[in-house]
């Protein structure tokens, strides 16, 4: 595993821990960090996440996450061995939704083949 990937995995684990145990913003609710994309110069990272009830909670969840960026970066400084913590950008991970949609289409095709 290369160094960049190892740092991404460590950051994913630590950000998940911080959000689920230390961030108290009620807008965030229950989210899952699906993966981290770190720039090659370690200055920026995209944090991809999913939320349980996308239709009702996505906008408020994203607002809460963006408000908590400074708090998350401060906690990461204490937990991760990096010279500086990259700037965080939260991005909703649509791959899960696309996977469910593909699965629905395949189920409909399978059902039509039985008829």
C-alpha atoms as a PDB file:
ATOM      1  CA  UNK A   1       0.000   0.000   0.000  1.00  0.00           C
ATOM      2  CA  UNK A   2       1.476   3.344  -0.992  1.00  0.00           C
ATOM      3  CA  UNK A   3       1.895   6.213   1.445  1.00  0.00           C
ATOM      4  CA  UNK A   4      -0.970   8.318   0.031  1.00  0.00           C
ATOM      5  CA  UNK A   5      -3.467   5.447   0.321  1.00  0.00           C
ATOM      6  CA  UNK A   6      -2.342   4.671   3.878  1.00  0.00           C
ATOM      7  CA  UNK A   7      -2.852   8.298   4.911  1.00  0.00           C
ATOM      8  CA  UNK A   8      -6.301   8.315   3.270  1.00  0.00           C
ATOM      9  CA  UNK A   9      -7.318   5.215   5.228  1.00  0.00           C
ATOM     10  CA  UNK A  10      -6.013   6.712   8.492  1.00  0.00           C
ATOM     11  CA  UNK A  11      -7.819   9.998   7.839  1.00  0.00           C
ATOM     12  CA  UNK A  12     -11.050   8.177   7.011  1.00  0.00           C
ATOM     13  CA  UNK A  13     -10.915   6.232  10.274  1.00  0.00           C
ATOM     14  CA  UNK A  14     -10.101   9.296  12.364  1.00  0.00           C
ATOM     15  CA  UNK A  15     -12.668  11.595  10.730  1.00  0.00           C
ATOM     16  CA  UNK A  16     -15.355   8.933  11.203  1.00  0.00           C
ATOM     17  CA  UNK A  17     -14.419   8.648  14.873  1.00  0.00           C
ATOM     18  CA  UNK A  18     -14.426  12.419  15.415  1.00  0.00           C
ATOM     19  CA  UNK A  19     -17.761  12.975  13.681  1.00  0.00           C
ATOM     20  CA  UNK A  20     -19.505  10.075  15.424  1.00  0.00           C
ATOM     21  CA  UNK A  21     -18.158  10.725  18.928  1.00  0.00           C
ATOM     22  CA  UNK A  22     -17.124  14.370  19.306  1.00  0.00           C
ATOM     23  CA  UNK A  23     -19.169  16.500  16.910  1.00  0.00           C
ATOM     24  CA  UNK A  24     -22.425  17.429  18.647  1.00  0.00           C
ATOM     25  CA  UNK A  25     -24.186  19.239  15.793  1.00  0.00           C
ATOM     26  CA  UNK A  26     -27.742  17.796  15.581  1.00  0.00           C
ATOM     27  CA  UNK A  27     -27.939  18.583  11.844  1.00  0.00           C
ATOM     28  CA  UNK A  28     -25.364  15.933  11.026  1.00  0.00           C
ATOM     29  CA  UNK A  29     -27.244  12.878  12.244  1.00  0.00           C
ATOM     30  CA  UNK A  30     -25.993   9.435  11.258  1.00  0.00           C
ATOM     31  CA  UNK A  31     -23.468   9.534   8.417  1.00  0.00           C
ATOM     32  CA  UNK A  32     -20.885   7.153   7.047  1.00  0.00           C
ATOM     33  CA  UNK A  33     -17.564   8.281   5.622  1.00  0.00           C
ATOM     34  CA  UNK A  34     -17.190   6.124   2.511  1.00  0.00           C
ATOM     35  CA  UNK A  35     -13.744   7.235   1.387  1.00  0.00           C
ATOM     36  CA  UNK A  36     -11.203  10.058   1.316  1.00  0.00           C
ATOM     37  CA  UNK A  37      -9.498  11.479  -1.772  1.00  0.00           C
ATOM     38  CA  UNK A  38      -6.296  13.261  -0.761  1.00  0.00           C
ATOM     39  CA  UNK A  39      -4.435  15.512  -3.189  1.00  0.00           C
ATOM     40  CA  UNK A  40      -0.906  14.437  -4.054  1.00  0.00           C
ATOM     41  CA  UNK A  41       0.540  17.498  -2.290  1.00  0.00           C
ATOM     42  CA  UNK A  42      -1.465  16.742   0.910  1.00  0.00           C
ATOM     43  CA  UNK A  43      -3.070  20.211   0.919  1.00  0.00           C
ATOM     44  CA  UNK A  44      -6.652  19.248   0.068  1.00  0.00           C
ATOM     45  CA  UNK A  45      -8.932  16.319   0.701  1.00  0.00           C
ATOM     46  CA  UNK A  46     -12.415  15.410  -0.414  1.00  0.00           C
ATOM     47  CA  UNK A  47     -14.332  13.545   2.261  1.00  0.00           C
ATOM     48  CA  UNK A  48     -17.076  11.435   0.680  1.00  0.00           C
ATOM     49  CA  UNK A  49     -20.024  10.519   2.890  1.00  0.00           C
ATOM     50  CA  UNK A  50     -23.501   9.010   2.846  1.00  0.00           C
ATOM     51  CA  UNK A  51     -26.438   9.897   5.043  1.00  0.00           C
ATOM     52  CA  UNK A  52     -29.302   7.638   6.117  1.00  0.00           C
ATOM     53  CA  UNK A  53     -32.277   9.778   4.999  1.00  0.00           C
ATOM     54  CA  UNK A  54     -30.931  11.637   1.989  1.00  0.00           C
ATOM     55  CA  UNK A  55     -34.143  13.447   0.992  1.00  0.00           C
ATOM     56  CA  UNK A  56     -34.691  15.088   4.393  1.00  0.00           C
ATOM     57  CA  UNK A  57     -31.195  15.368   5.835  1.00  0.00           C
ATOM     58  CA  UNK A  58     -28.642  15.932   3.077  1.00  0.00           C
ATOM     59  CA  UNK A  59     -28.723  19.737   2.967  1.00  0.00           C
ATOM     60  CA  UNK A  60     -28.734  20.233   6.746  1.00  0.00           C
ATOM     61  CA  UNK A  61     -26.125  17.505   7.190  1.00  0.00           C
ATOM     62  CA  UNK A  62     -23.810  19.193   4.696  1.00  0.00           C
ATOM     63  CA  UNK A  63     -24.285  22.532   6.472  1.00  0.00           C
ATOM     64  CA  UNK A  64     -23.440  20.919   9.814  1.00  0.00           C
ATOM     65  CA  UNK A  65     -20.362  19.215   8.405  1.00  0.00           C
ATOM     66  CA  UNK A  66     -19.102  22.430   6.834  1.00  0.00           C
ATOM     67  CA  UNK A  67     -19.617  24.296  10.125  1.00  0.00           C
ATOM     68  CA  UNK A  68     -17.637  21.571  11.939  1.00  0.00           C
ATOM     69  CA  UNK A  69     -14.629  21.610   9.576  1.00  0.00           C
ATOM     70  CA  UNK A  70     -12.433  23.667  11.918  1.00  0.00           C
ATOM     71  CA  UNK A  71     -13.305  21.466  14.884  1.00  0.00           C
ATOM     72  CA  UNK A  72     -12.551  18.315  12.871  1.00  0.00           C
ATOM     73  CA  UNK A  73      -9.210  19.699  11.630  1.00  0.00           C
ATOM     74  CA  UNK A  74      -8.204  20.667  15.194  1.00  0.00           C
ATOM     75  CA  UNK A  75      -8.978  17.163  16.449  1.00  0.00           C
ATOM     76  CA  UNK A  76      -7.151  15.584  13.505  1.00  0.00           C
ATOM     77  CA  UNK A  77      -4.006  17.524  14.428  1.00  0.00           C
ATOM     78  CA  UNK A  78      -4.007  15.740  17.793  1.00  0.00           C
ATOM     79  CA  UNK A  79      -4.735  12.305  16.333  1.00  0.00           C
ATOM     80  CA  UNK A  80      -2.807  12.071  13.021  1.00  0.00           C
ATOM     81  CA  UNK A  81       0.921  12.404  12.492  1.00  0.00           C
ATOM     82  CA  UNK A  82       0.998  14.942   9.649  1.00  0.00           C
ATOM     83  CA  UNK A  83       2.844  18.259   9.430  1.00  0.00           C
ATOM     84  CA  UNK A  84      -0.390  20.009   8.518  1.00  0.00           C
ATOM     85  CA  UNK A  85      -3.983  18.912   8.091  1.00  0.00           C
ATOM     86  CA  UNK A  86      -5.350  19.279   4.542  1.00  0.00           C
ATOM     87  CA  UNK A  87      -8.304  21.555   3.805  1.00  0.00           C
ATOM     88  CA  UNK A  88     -11.517  19.536   4.010  1.00  0.00           C
ATOM     89  CA  UNK A  89     -14.276  19.503   1.419  1.00  0.00           C
ATOM     90  CA  UNK A  90     -17.314  17.324   2.161  1.00  0.00           C
ATOM     91  CA  UNK A  91     -18.898  15.622  -0.861  1.00  0.00           C
ATOM     92  CA  UNK A  92     -22.036  13.475  -0.904  1.00  0.00           C
ATOM     93  CA  UNK A  93     -21.169  10.025  -2.277  1.00  0.00           C
ATOM     94  CA  UNK A  94     -23.694   9.190  -4.987  1.00  0.00           C
ATOM     95  CA  UNK A  95     -22.202   5.772  -5.767  1.00  0.00           C
ATOM     96  CA  UNK A  96     -24.444   4.081  -3.190  1.00  0.00           C
ATOM     97  CA  UNK A  97     -27.561   5.611  -4.783  1.00  0.00           C
ATOM     98  CA  UNK A  98     -26.393   4.564  -8.237  1.00  0.00           C
ATOM     99  CA  UNK A  99     -25.776   1.027  -6.977  1.00  0.00           C
ATOM    100  CA  UNK A 100     -29.315   0.810  -5.558  1.00  0.00           C
ATOM    101  CA  UNK A 101     -30.744   2.131  -8.819  1.00  0.00           C
ATOM    102  CA  UNK A 102     -28.818  -0.444 -10.877  1.00  0.00           C
ATOM    103  CA  UNK A 103     -30.001  -3.175  -8.520  1.00  0.00           C
ATOM    104  CA  UNK A 104     -33.631  -2.051  -8.956  1.00  0.00           C
ATOM    105  CA  UNK A 105     -33.269  -2.128 -12.751  1.00  0.00           C
ATOM    106  CA  UNK A 106     -31.743  -5.618 -12.645  1.00  0.00           C
ATOM    107  CA  UNK A 107     -34.569  -6.851 -10.408  1.00  0.00           C
ATOM    108  CA  UNK A 108     -37.167  -5.468 -12.840  1.00  0.00           C
ATOM    109  CA  UNK A 109     -35.400  -7.174 -15.765  1.00  0.00           C
ATOM    110  CA  UNK A 110     -35.299 -10.453 -13.843  1.00  0.00           C
ATOM    111  CA  UNK A 111     -38.992 -10.127 -12.986  1.00  0.00           C
ATOM    112  CA  UNK A 112     -39.898  -9.444 -16.636  1.00  0.00           C
ATOM    113  CA  UNK A 113     -37.923 -12.483 -17.791  1.00  0.00           C
ATOM    114  CA  UNK A 114     -39.986 -14.726 -15.512  1.00  0.00           C
ATOM    115  CA  UNK A 115     -43.212 -13.521 -17.145  1.00  0.00           C
END
